[in-house]
N, C-alpha and C. Protein backbone atom coordinates (compact mmCIF):
# COMPACT_ATOMS: atom_id res chain seq x y z
N MET A 1 -22.11 -5.07 33.47
CA MET A 1 -21.93 -3.88 32.43
C MET A 1 -23.23 -3.47 32.08
N THR A 2 -23.19 -1.97 31.44
CA THR A 2 -24.38 -1.48 31.23
C THR A 2 -24.70 -1.40 30.12
N GLN A 3 -25.79 -1.18 29.42
CA GLN A 3 -26.06 -1.02 28.25
C GLN A 3 -26.16 0.45 27.52
N MET A 4 -25.45 0.56 26.49
CA MET A 4 -25.28 2.22 26.30
C MET A 4 -26.57 2.79 25.54
N ASN A 5 -27.52 3.42 25.62
CA ASN A 5 -28.51 3.72 25.02
C ASN A 5 -28.29 4.66 23.52
N ARG A 6 -29.20 5.24 22.76
CA ARG A 6 -28.63 5.86 21.48
C ARG A 6 -27.97 6.90 21.52
N ARG A 7 -28.80 7.86 22.45
CA ARG A 7 -27.96 9.07 22.63
C ARG A 7 -26.57 9.06 23.70
N THR A 8 -26.18 8.32 24.30
CA THR A 8 -25.10 8.09 24.83
C THR A 8 -24.03 7.51 23.56
N PHE A 9 -24.32 6.79 22.89
CA PHE A 9 -23.78 6.06 21.59
C PHE A 9 -23.65 7.69 20.80
N ALA A 10 -24.66 8.34 20.49
CA ALA A 10 -24.44 9.24 19.38
C ALA A 10 -23.43 10.35 20.04
N MET A 11 -23.55 10.61 21.24
CA MET A 11 -22.64 11.69 22.31
C MET A 11 -21.11 11.11 21.92
N THR A 12 -21.06 10.06 22.29
CA THR A 12 -19.40 9.51 22.19
C THR A 12 -19.10 9.45 21.01
N ALA A 13 -19.66 9.04 19.63
CA ALA A 13 -19.35 9.00 18.57
C ALA A 13 -19.02 10.48 17.94
N LEU A 14 -19.88 11.61 18.22
CA LEU A 14 -19.48 12.83 18.08
C LEU A 14 -18.30 13.48 18.75
N ALA A 15 -18.32 13.22 20.20
CA ALA A 15 -16.90 13.68 20.59
C ALA A 15 -15.63 12.95 20.01
N GLY A 16 -15.56 11.44 19.38
CA GLY A 16 -14.35 10.88 18.93
C GLY A 16 -14.39 11.63 17.61
N ALA A 17 -15.22 11.89 16.42
CA ALA A 17 -14.97 12.53 15.63
C ALA A 17 -14.40 14.01 15.61
N SER A 18 -14.75 14.54 16.84
CA SER A 18 -14.52 16.12 17.11
C SER A 18 -12.73 16.08 17.25
N MET A 19 -12.67 14.77 18.43
CA MET A 19 -11.33 14.59 18.62
C MET A 19 -10.29 14.48 17.55
N THR A 20 -10.89 13.52 16.55
CA THR A 20 -10.37 13.25 15.48
C THR A 20 -9.91 14.20 14.61
N ALA A 21 -11.19 15.16 14.55
CA ALA A 21 -10.75 16.30 13.57
C ALA A 21 -9.78 17.46 13.98
N ALA A 22 -9.58 17.53 15.48
CA ALA A 22 -8.96 18.34 15.93
C ALA A 22 -7.41 17.79 15.81
N CYS A 23 -6.82 16.50 15.74
CA CYS A 23 -5.94 15.89 15.43
C CYS A 23 -5.08 16.16 14.16
N GLY A 24 -6.14 16.70 13.21
CA GLY A 24 -5.54 17.05 11.64
C GLY A 24 -5.41 16.26 11.16
N ASN A 25 -5.97 14.83 11.39
CA ASN A 25 -5.64 13.76 10.45
C ASN A 25 -6.49 13.84 8.78
N GLY A 26 -7.00 14.84 8.67
CA GLY A 26 -7.28 14.86 7.13
C GLY A 26 -8.54 14.56 6.80
N ILE A 27 -9.68 13.97 7.83
CA ILE A 27 -10.84 13.49 7.51
C ILE A 27 -11.72 15.04 7.41
N GLY A 28 -12.49 14.86 6.48
CA GLY A 28 -12.89 15.98 5.77
C GLY A 28 -12.20 17.29 5.19
N GLY A 29 -10.76 17.15 5.43
CA GLY A 29 -9.91 18.33 4.86
C GLY A 29 -9.73 18.02 3.48
N ASN A 30 -8.79 19.02 3.14
CA ASN A 30 -8.12 19.26 1.64
C ASN A 30 -6.45 18.54 1.78
N GLY A 31 -6.24 17.44 2.85
CA GLY A 31 -4.58 17.41 2.81
C GLY A 31 -4.36 16.77 1.53
N SER A 32 -5.06 15.78 0.99
CA SER A 32 -4.35 15.26 -0.15
C SER A 32 -4.66 16.05 -1.57
N ALA A 33 -5.39 16.82 -1.46
CA ALA A 33 -5.08 17.71 -2.40
C ALA A 33 -4.26 18.98 -2.28
N ALA A 34 -3.91 19.23 -1.34
CA ALA A 34 -2.38 20.01 -1.04
C ALA A 34 -1.09 19.40 -1.39
N ILE A 35 -0.90 18.09 -1.05
CA ILE A 35 0.00 17.24 -1.05
C ILE A 35 0.07 17.11 -2.89
N ASP A 36 -1.03 16.77 -3.43
CA ASP A 36 -1.07 16.58 -4.92
C ASP A 36 -0.24 17.78 -5.53
N ALA A 37 -0.88 19.12 -5.07
CA ALA A 37 -0.68 20.53 -5.76
C ALA A 37 0.95 20.63 -5.52
N ARG A 38 1.40 20.35 -4.23
CA ARG A 38 2.85 20.38 -4.00
C ARG A 38 3.71 19.49 -4.76
N VAL A 39 3.16 18.20 -4.84
CA VAL A 39 3.89 17.29 -5.88
C VAL A 39 4.17 17.64 -7.20
N GLN A 40 3.18 18.18 -7.67
CA GLN A 40 3.28 18.62 -8.92
C GLN A 40 3.91 20.00 -9.41
N THR A 41 3.99 20.81 -8.54
CA THR A 41 4.76 21.99 -8.40
C THR A 41 6.36 21.51 -8.47
N THR A 42 6.64 20.58 -7.47
CA THR A 42 8.08 20.15 -6.99
C THR A 42 8.58 19.77 -8.47
N LEU A 43 7.72 18.54 -8.81
CA LEU A 43 8.08 17.82 -10.49
C LEU A 43 8.42 19.13 -11.51
N SER A 44 7.37 19.98 -11.58
CA SER A 44 7.93 20.95 -12.79
C SER A 44 8.72 21.63 -12.45
N HIS A 45 9.36 21.99 -11.05
CA HIS A 45 10.39 22.64 -11.13
C HIS A 45 11.80 21.85 -11.29
N MET A 46 11.74 20.51 -10.73
CA MET A 46 12.75 19.46 -11.00
C MET A 46 12.99 19.36 -12.46
N TYR A 47 11.79 19.05 -13.34
CA TYR A 47 12.00 18.96 -14.50
C TYR A 47 12.76 20.30 -15.72
N SER A 48 11.96 21.29 -15.03
CA SER A 48 12.68 22.49 -15.74
C SER A 48 13.90 22.76 -15.68
N THR A 49 14.53 22.21 -13.99
CA THR A 49 16.09 22.92 -13.77
C THR A 49 16.96 21.64 -13.98
N TYR A 50 16.32 20.65 -13.95
CA TYR A 50 17.09 19.35 -14.21
C TYR A 50 16.64 18.39 -15.35
N PRO A 51 16.81 18.79 -16.41
CA PRO A 51 15.92 18.31 -17.68
C PRO A 51 16.22 16.64 -17.76
N ASN A 52 17.57 16.30 -17.34
CA ASN A 52 17.97 14.91 -17.30
C ASN A 52 16.98 14.11 -16.54
N THR A 53 16.33 14.36 -15.38
CA THR A 53 15.42 13.70 -14.91
C THR A 53 14.23 13.46 -15.30
N LEU A 54 13.78 13.95 -16.31
CA LEU A 54 12.76 13.04 -17.48
C LEU A 54 12.93 11.85 -17.94
N ASP A 55 14.43 11.63 -18.26
CA ASP A 55 14.97 10.42 -18.77
C ASP A 55 14.79 9.39 -17.25
N LEU A 56 14.97 10.00 -16.07
CA LEU A 56 14.72 8.78 -14.87
C LEU A 56 13.27 8.58 -14.59
N LYS A 57 12.42 9.67 -14.96
CA LYS A 57 11.09 9.55 -14.69
C LYS A 57 10.63 8.28 -16.03
N ASN A 58 11.00 8.35 -17.12
CA ASN A 58 10.65 7.65 -18.22
C ASN A 58 11.04 6.15 -18.03
N LYS A 59 12.18 5.92 -17.36
CA LYS A 59 12.58 4.54 -16.98
C LYS A 59 12.24 3.81 -15.85
N ALA A 60 11.64 4.73 -14.53
CA ALA A 60 11.56 4.26 -13.46
C ALA A 60 10.06 3.75 -13.26
N ALA A 61 9.81 2.69 -12.53
CA ALA A 61 8.31 2.06 -12.33
C ALA A 61 7.64 2.85 -11.44
N GLY A 62 8.32 3.92 -10.56
CA GLY A 62 7.34 4.74 -9.58
C GLY A 62 8.26 5.68 -9.04
N MET A 63 7.81 6.85 -8.52
CA MET A 63 8.47 7.86 -7.85
C MET A 63 7.64 8.07 -6.85
N LEU A 64 8.48 8.24 -5.54
CA LEU A 64 8.24 9.06 -4.47
C LEU A 64 8.46 10.38 -4.34
N VAL A 65 7.75 11.40 -4.47
CA VAL A 65 7.69 13.12 -4.49
C VAL A 65 7.59 13.29 -3.00
N MET A 66 8.77 14.16 -2.55
CA MET A 66 8.61 14.82 -1.21
C MET A 66 8.83 16.46 -1.37
N PRO A 67 7.71 16.93 -1.51
CA PRO A 67 8.03 18.36 -2.01
C PRO A 67 8.77 19.41 -0.93
N LEU A 68 8.30 19.03 0.43
CA LEU A 68 9.14 19.85 1.20
C LEU A 68 9.26 19.04 2.56
N VAL A 69 10.73 19.09 2.75
CA VAL A 69 11.12 18.21 4.14
C VAL A 69 11.95 19.18 4.96
N THR A 70 11.63 19.42 6.09
CA THR A 70 12.11 20.29 6.97
C THR A 70 12.82 19.71 7.98
N GLU A 71 14.34 19.84 8.29
CA GLU A 71 15.31 19.66 9.11
C GLU A 71 15.77 20.43 9.99
N ALA A 72 16.14 20.10 11.27
CA ALA A 72 16.61 21.15 11.99
C ALA A 72 17.34 20.61 12.85
N GLY A 73 18.15 21.00 13.58
CA GLY A 73 19.28 20.30 14.72
C GLY A 73 19.99 21.25 15.47
N LEU A 74 20.01 20.98 17.02
CA LEU A 74 21.03 21.46 17.79
C LEU A 74 21.45 20.27 18.64
N GLY A 75 22.57 19.59 18.49
CA GLY A 75 22.67 18.54 19.03
C GLY A 75 21.79 17.54 18.47
N PHE A 76 20.77 16.98 18.94
CA PHE A 76 19.64 16.28 18.66
C PHE A 76 19.02 17.21 17.26
N GLY A 77 18.99 16.13 16.24
CA GLY A 77 18.03 16.67 14.95
C GLY A 77 17.09 15.70 14.51
N GLY A 78 16.34 16.47 13.73
CA GLY A 78 15.23 15.31 13.27
C GLY A 78 14.70 16.00 11.78
N ALA A 79 13.63 15.52 10.88
CA ALA A 79 13.27 16.06 9.81
C ALA A 79 11.93 15.31 9.89
N TYR A 80 11.09 16.33 8.87
CA TYR A 80 9.82 15.73 8.67
C TYR A 80 9.48 16.18 7.33
N GLY A 81 8.54 15.54 6.77
CA GLY A 81 7.82 16.06 5.46
C GLY A 81 6.89 14.93 4.99
N ARG A 82 5.76 15.49 3.98
CA ARG A 82 4.63 14.62 3.37
C ARG A 82 4.99 14.86 1.95
N GLY A 83 4.65 13.59 1.47
CA GLY A 83 4.51 13.47 -0.06
C GLY A 83 3.75 12.49 -0.45
N ALA A 84 4.02 12.07 -1.86
CA ALA A 84 3.12 10.98 -2.68
C ALA A 84 3.84 10.27 -3.49
N LEU A 85 3.51 8.99 -3.54
CA LEU A 85 4.02 8.08 -4.55
C LEU A 85 3.21 7.97 -5.66
N LEU A 86 3.94 8.30 -7.16
CA LEU A 86 3.29 8.17 -8.33
C LEU A 86 3.56 7.06 -8.92
N VAL A 87 2.97 6.39 -9.74
CA VAL A 87 3.26 5.22 -10.74
C VAL A 87 2.43 5.51 -11.87
N GLU A 88 3.15 5.76 -12.90
CA GLU A 88 2.40 6.17 -14.15
C GLU A 88 1.99 7.42 -13.95
N ASP A 89 2.42 8.63 -13.65
CA ASP A 89 1.89 9.49 -13.39
C ASP A 89 0.77 9.81 -12.62
N THR A 90 0.26 8.80 -11.93
CA THR A 90 -1.14 8.45 -10.95
C THR A 90 -0.48 8.69 -9.39
N THR A 91 -1.14 9.49 -8.84
CA THR A 91 -1.12 8.96 -7.51
C THR A 91 -1.64 7.86 -6.78
N VAL A 92 -0.77 7.04 -6.00
CA VAL A 92 -1.08 5.67 -5.67
C VAL A 92 -1.14 5.83 -4.12
N ASP A 93 -0.40 6.53 -3.42
CA ASP A 93 -0.51 6.32 -1.85
C ASP A 93 0.38 7.60 -1.29
N TYR A 94 0.14 8.08 -0.02
CA TYR A 94 0.62 9.16 0.39
C TYR A 94 1.85 8.72 1.30
N TYR A 95 2.77 9.51 1.70
CA TYR A 95 3.82 8.99 2.39
C TYR A 95 4.35 10.05 3.42
N SER A 96 4.85 9.94 4.78
CA SER A 96 5.30 10.77 5.32
C SER A 96 6.66 10.22 5.47
N THR A 97 7.77 11.37 5.47
CA THR A 97 9.31 10.83 5.93
C THR A 97 9.51 11.57 7.23
N ALA A 98 10.20 10.64 7.69
CA ALA A 98 10.61 11.28 9.34
C ALA A 98 12.18 10.91 9.54
N LYS A 99 12.96 11.20 10.32
CA LYS A 99 14.05 11.09 10.58
C LYS A 99 14.70 11.93 12.23
N ALA A 100 15.60 11.04 12.53
CA ALA A 100 15.95 11.48 13.65
C ALA A 100 17.44 11.28 13.88
N ASN A 101 18.36 12.44 14.29
CA ASN A 101 19.66 12.05 14.47
C ASN A 101 20.21 12.59 15.64
N PHE A 102 21.71 12.41 16.20
CA PHE A 102 22.24 12.98 17.26
C PHE A 102 23.65 13.30 16.68
N GLY A 103 24.37 14.06 17.10
CA GLY A 103 25.72 14.76 16.62
C GLY A 103 26.07 16.17 16.65
N LEU A 104 27.14 16.37 16.41
CA LEU A 104 27.63 17.97 16.27
C LEU A 104 26.86 18.38 15.06
N GLN A 105 25.99 19.10 15.39
CA GLN A 105 24.79 20.04 14.35
C GLN A 105 24.38 21.15 14.57
N ILE A 106 23.95 22.15 14.21
CA ILE A 106 23.47 23.28 14.26
C ILE A 106 22.61 23.77 13.12
N GLY A 107 21.23 24.01 13.36
CA GLY A 107 21.04 25.08 11.79
C GLY A 107 19.33 24.44 11.47
N ALA A 108 19.30 24.72 10.25
CA ALA A 108 17.81 24.35 9.58
C ALA A 108 17.61 24.55 8.27
N GLN A 109 17.23 23.65 7.95
CA GLN A 109 17.26 23.87 6.22
C GLN A 109 15.71 23.18 5.96
N GLN A 110 15.56 23.36 4.78
CA GLN A 110 14.22 22.88 3.81
C GLN A 110 14.68 22.29 2.33
N TYR A 111 14.27 21.12 2.23
CA TYR A 111 14.73 20.77 0.71
C TYR A 111 13.14 20.00 0.25
N ALA A 112 13.46 19.48 -1.05
CA ALA A 112 12.60 18.61 -2.00
C ALA A 112 13.43 17.12 -2.14
N HIS A 113 13.07 16.12 -2.46
CA HIS A 113 13.58 15.16 -2.77
C HIS A 113 12.76 14.01 -3.53
N VAL A 114 13.48 13.48 -4.76
CA VAL A 114 12.36 12.59 -4.98
C VAL A 114 13.28 11.15 -5.26
N LEU A 115 12.57 10.05 -5.00
CA LEU A 115 13.18 8.73 -5.24
C LEU A 115 12.74 8.14 -6.21
N PHE A 116 13.48 7.81 -7.33
CA PHE A 116 13.11 7.01 -8.41
C PHE A 116 13.22 5.36 -8.03
N PHE A 117 12.28 4.72 -8.17
CA PHE A 117 12.31 3.29 -7.99
C PHE A 117 12.45 2.83 -9.20
N MET A 118 13.54 2.20 -9.56
CA MET A 118 14.01 2.01 -10.95
C MET A 118 13.71 0.43 -11.45
N THR A 119 13.36 -0.16 -10.43
CA THR A 119 12.69 -1.56 -10.62
C THR A 119 11.45 -1.90 -10.32
N GLN A 120 10.76 -2.93 -10.72
CA GLN A 120 9.34 -3.40 -10.07
C GLN A 120 9.57 -3.95 -8.90
N ASP A 121 10.90 -4.67 -8.60
CA ASP A 121 10.91 -4.95 -7.60
C ASP A 121 11.24 -4.31 -6.18
N ALA A 122 12.00 -2.99 -6.41
CA ALA A 122 12.50 -2.21 -5.31
C ALA A 122 10.79 -1.32 -5.10
N LEU A 123 10.13 -1.02 -6.45
CA LEU A 123 9.01 -0.31 -5.91
C LEU A 123 8.23 -1.57 -5.24
N TYR A 124 7.82 -2.80 -5.50
CA TYR A 124 7.23 -3.65 -4.71
C TYR A 124 7.44 -3.62 -3.04
N ASN A 125 8.81 -3.82 -2.95
CA ASN A 125 9.45 -3.87 -1.61
C ASN A 125 9.09 -2.74 -0.74
N PHE A 126 8.86 -1.42 -1.89
CA PHE A 126 9.08 -0.57 -1.02
C PHE A 126 7.10 -0.08 -0.33
N ARG A 127 6.38 -0.89 -1.55
CA ARG A 127 4.95 -0.57 -1.21
C ARG A 127 4.41 -1.58 -0.03
N ARG A 128 5.21 -2.71 0.12
CA ARG A 128 4.66 -3.78 1.05
C ARG A 128 5.44 -3.49 2.19
N SER A 129 6.55 -2.95 2.77
CA SER A 129 7.13 -2.78 3.60
C SER A 129 6.17 -1.93 4.61
N SER A 130 5.71 -2.12 5.81
CA SER A 130 5.38 -1.26 7.01
C SER A 130 5.93 0.23 7.26
N GLY A 131 7.31 0.01 7.01
CA GLY A 131 7.89 1.69 7.32
C GLY A 131 9.48 0.97 6.36
N TRP A 132 9.59 1.78 5.34
CA TRP A 132 10.87 1.67 4.68
C TRP A 132 11.77 2.48 4.98
N ALA A 133 12.72 2.06 5.34
CA ALA A 133 14.27 3.01 5.60
C ALA A 133 15.12 3.34 4.62
N ALA A 134 15.42 4.32 4.24
CA ALA A 134 16.42 4.39 3.08
C ALA A 134 17.55 4.18 3.50
N GLY A 135 18.62 3.02 2.62
CA GLY A 135 19.71 2.52 3.21
C GLY A 135 20.63 2.18 2.25
N ALA A 136 21.19 0.95 2.02
CA ALA A 136 21.87 0.59 1.08
C ALA A 136 21.59 0.37 -0.07
N ASP A 137 20.28 0.30 -0.65
CA ASP A 137 19.96 0.54 -1.97
C ASP A 137 19.54 1.51 -2.47
N LEU A 138 20.03 2.50 -1.88
CA LEU A 138 19.92 4.06 -2.32
C LEU A 138 21.00 4.69 -3.02
N GLU A 139 21.07 5.05 -4.36
CA GLU A 139 22.07 5.92 -4.61
C GLU A 139 21.67 7.32 -4.95
N TYR A 140 22.50 8.14 -4.70
CA TYR A 140 22.03 9.55 -4.99
C TYR A 140 22.81 10.08 -6.43
N VAL A 141 21.74 11.11 -7.14
CA VAL A 141 22.16 11.56 -8.26
C VAL A 141 22.44 12.80 -7.99
N PHE A 142 23.62 13.57 -8.25
CA PHE A 142 24.00 14.96 -7.63
C PHE A 142 23.96 15.87 -8.89
N SER A 143 23.60 17.03 -8.33
CA SER A 143 23.25 18.26 -9.13
C SER A 143 24.99 18.65 -9.52
N ASP A 144 25.17 18.87 -10.84
CA ASP A 144 26.61 19.42 -11.01
C ASP A 144 26.45 20.89 -11.30
N VAL A 145 26.31 21.28 -12.78
CA VAL A 145 26.33 22.52 -13.09
C VAL A 145 24.67 23.34 -13.31
N GLY A 146 23.72 22.98 -12.38
CA GLY A 146 22.58 23.50 -12.30
C GLY A 146 21.59 23.15 -13.37
N ASP A 147 22.05 22.85 -14.56
CA ASP A 147 20.62 22.42 -15.63
C ASP A 147 20.78 21.06 -15.87
N SER A 148 21.93 20.19 -15.11
CA SER A 148 21.94 18.50 -15.49
C SER A 148 22.44 17.82 -14.30
N LEU A 149 22.32 16.85 -14.35
CA LEU A 149 22.42 16.00 -13.00
C LEU A 149 23.69 15.02 -13.61
N ALA A 150 24.72 14.72 -12.68
CA ALA A 150 25.78 13.82 -12.81
C ALA A 150 25.32 12.44 -12.69
N THR A 151 25.25 11.53 -13.36
CA THR A 151 25.17 9.86 -13.11
C THR A 151 25.82 9.25 -13.58
N GLU A 152 26.34 7.88 -13.14
CA GLU A 152 27.43 7.16 -13.59
C GLU A 152 26.87 5.96 -14.13
N THR A 153 27.35 4.96 -14.54
CA THR A 153 26.96 3.82 -15.07
C THR A 153 26.36 2.98 -13.99
N THR A 154 27.03 2.94 -12.91
CA THR A 154 26.68 2.05 -11.59
C THR A 154 25.74 2.66 -11.22
N THR A 155 25.40 4.09 -10.97
CA THR A 155 24.35 4.79 -10.62
C THR A 155 22.75 4.28 -11.26
N LEU A 156 23.26 4.25 -12.46
CA LEU A 156 21.80 4.06 -13.26
C LEU A 156 21.35 2.60 -13.01
N THR A 157 22.28 1.73 -12.64
CA THR A 157 21.81 0.06 -12.50
C THR A 157 21.27 -0.10 -10.87
N ALA A 158 21.46 0.91 -9.95
CA ALA A 158 20.58 1.25 -8.77
C ALA A 158 19.24 0.80 -8.65
N PRO A 159 18.54 0.27 -7.74
CA PRO A 159 17.20 -0.13 -7.59
C PRO A 159 16.28 1.11 -7.29
N VAL A 160 16.99 2.05 -6.60
CA VAL A 160 16.33 3.26 -6.09
C VAL A 160 17.36 4.69 -6.27
N LEU A 161 16.91 5.49 -6.78
CA LEU A 161 17.86 6.49 -7.16
C LEU A 161 17.29 7.94 -6.13
N ALA A 162 18.24 8.72 -5.61
CA ALA A 162 17.46 9.92 -4.86
C ALA A 162 18.16 11.35 -5.51
N VAL A 163 17.23 12.07 -5.58
CA VAL A 163 17.48 13.45 -6.34
C VAL A 163 17.11 14.43 -5.00
N VAL A 164 17.91 15.17 -4.67
CA VAL A 164 17.75 16.10 -3.53
C VAL A 164 17.98 17.16 -4.06
N PHE A 165 16.93 18.29 -4.06
CA PHE A 165 17.15 19.74 -4.67
C PHE A 165 16.56 20.81 -3.91
N GLY A 166 16.80 21.91 -4.01
CA GLY A 166 15.76 23.20 -3.63
C GLY A 166 16.06 23.34 -2.28
N ARG A 167 17.37 23.21 -1.80
CA ARG A 167 17.75 23.54 -0.44
C ARG A 167 17.35 25.16 0.18
N ALA A 168 17.16 25.21 1.09
CA ALA A 168 17.09 26.60 1.53
C ALA A 168 17.31 26.59 3.14
N GLY A 169 17.97 27.28 3.53
CA GLY A 169 18.44 27.40 5.01
C GLY A 169 20.32 27.00 5.25
N LEU A 170 20.27 26.93 6.59
CA LEU A 170 21.76 26.73 6.81
C LEU A 170 22.01 25.62 7.51
N ARG A 171 22.27 24.59 7.17
CA ARG A 171 22.84 23.41 7.84
C ARG A 171 23.33 22.48 7.24
N VAL A 172 24.52 21.88 7.75
CA VAL A 172 25.84 21.03 6.75
C VAL A 172 24.97 19.87 6.30
N GLY A 173 24.85 19.87 5.02
CA GLY A 173 24.24 18.08 4.55
C GLY A 173 23.11 18.11 4.14
N ALA A 174 22.26 17.15 3.64
CA ALA A 174 20.99 16.97 3.46
C ALA A 174 20.96 15.28 3.04
N THR A 175 21.03 14.44 3.73
CA THR A 175 21.16 13.09 3.28
C THR A 175 19.85 12.37 3.70
N LEU A 176 19.57 11.28 3.00
CA LEU A 176 18.24 10.61 3.52
C LEU A 176 18.86 9.26 4.10
N GLU A 177 19.89 8.98 4.43
CA GLU A 177 20.05 7.94 5.49
C GLU A 177 19.55 7.95 6.39
N GLY A 178 19.05 6.86 7.27
CA GLY A 178 18.33 6.82 8.48
C GLY A 178 16.95 7.54 8.32
N THR A 179 16.52 7.54 7.05
CA THR A 179 15.23 8.23 6.80
C THR A 179 14.36 7.17 6.95
N LYS A 180 12.97 7.32 7.30
CA LYS A 180 12.00 6.47 7.37
C LYS A 180 10.66 6.83 6.72
N TYR A 181 10.25 6.03 5.70
CA TYR A 181 9.02 6.69 5.10
C TYR A 181 7.82 5.62 5.46
N THR A 182 6.65 6.41 5.99
CA THR A 182 5.38 5.47 6.32
C THR A 182 4.16 6.04 5.38
N ARG A 183 3.55 5.03 4.94
CA ARG A 183 2.27 5.52 4.28
C ARG A 183 1.42 5.94 5.21
N ILE A 184 0.61 7.11 4.72
CA ILE A 184 -0.07 7.97 5.62
C ILE A 184 -1.72 7.81 4.90
N ILE A 185 -2.46 8.48 5.63
CA ILE A 185 -3.78 8.77 4.99
C ILE A 185 -3.91 10.50 5.50
N PRO A 186 -3.62 11.65 4.33
CA PRO A 186 -3.67 12.78 4.73
C PRO A 186 -5.18 13.41 5.00
């Protein structure tokens, strides 16, 4: 085995840094600032369009805000988006969401969604998992007449509530089942 001199080490490190930057992982970039700006815009829109979500926010232990999820499918389909986890109105982590599916489907759409963690346990389990998948613990809060959200007493006792809104595009459905959330460094 040969020893590496300083010049070789420096050139290797520079090449590695260049490759990392080319992959768009956010080192030296403004990824977190862009996500934070989108999150604030999304929350402002949600609060003004659905004022009842302010009550959910005030009761929640934390919120995962995904400002833009893009979903497309033609037989095989998938979705991807990036967002932030807020606890007491402060960003504590960044997450990506990814989903893959197969079936009779065609089209593309974009939407925003917010997960409200209604208990400290639900928030703790989400933050401690290596990759959290939306599933049985998730309840939906459906939009009814444009300016309010329909909730039931059973919905309000659920550990995690999902609000999906701002849909654009042509595709049937915008569900979160089978969606995996993973912590990222933007």
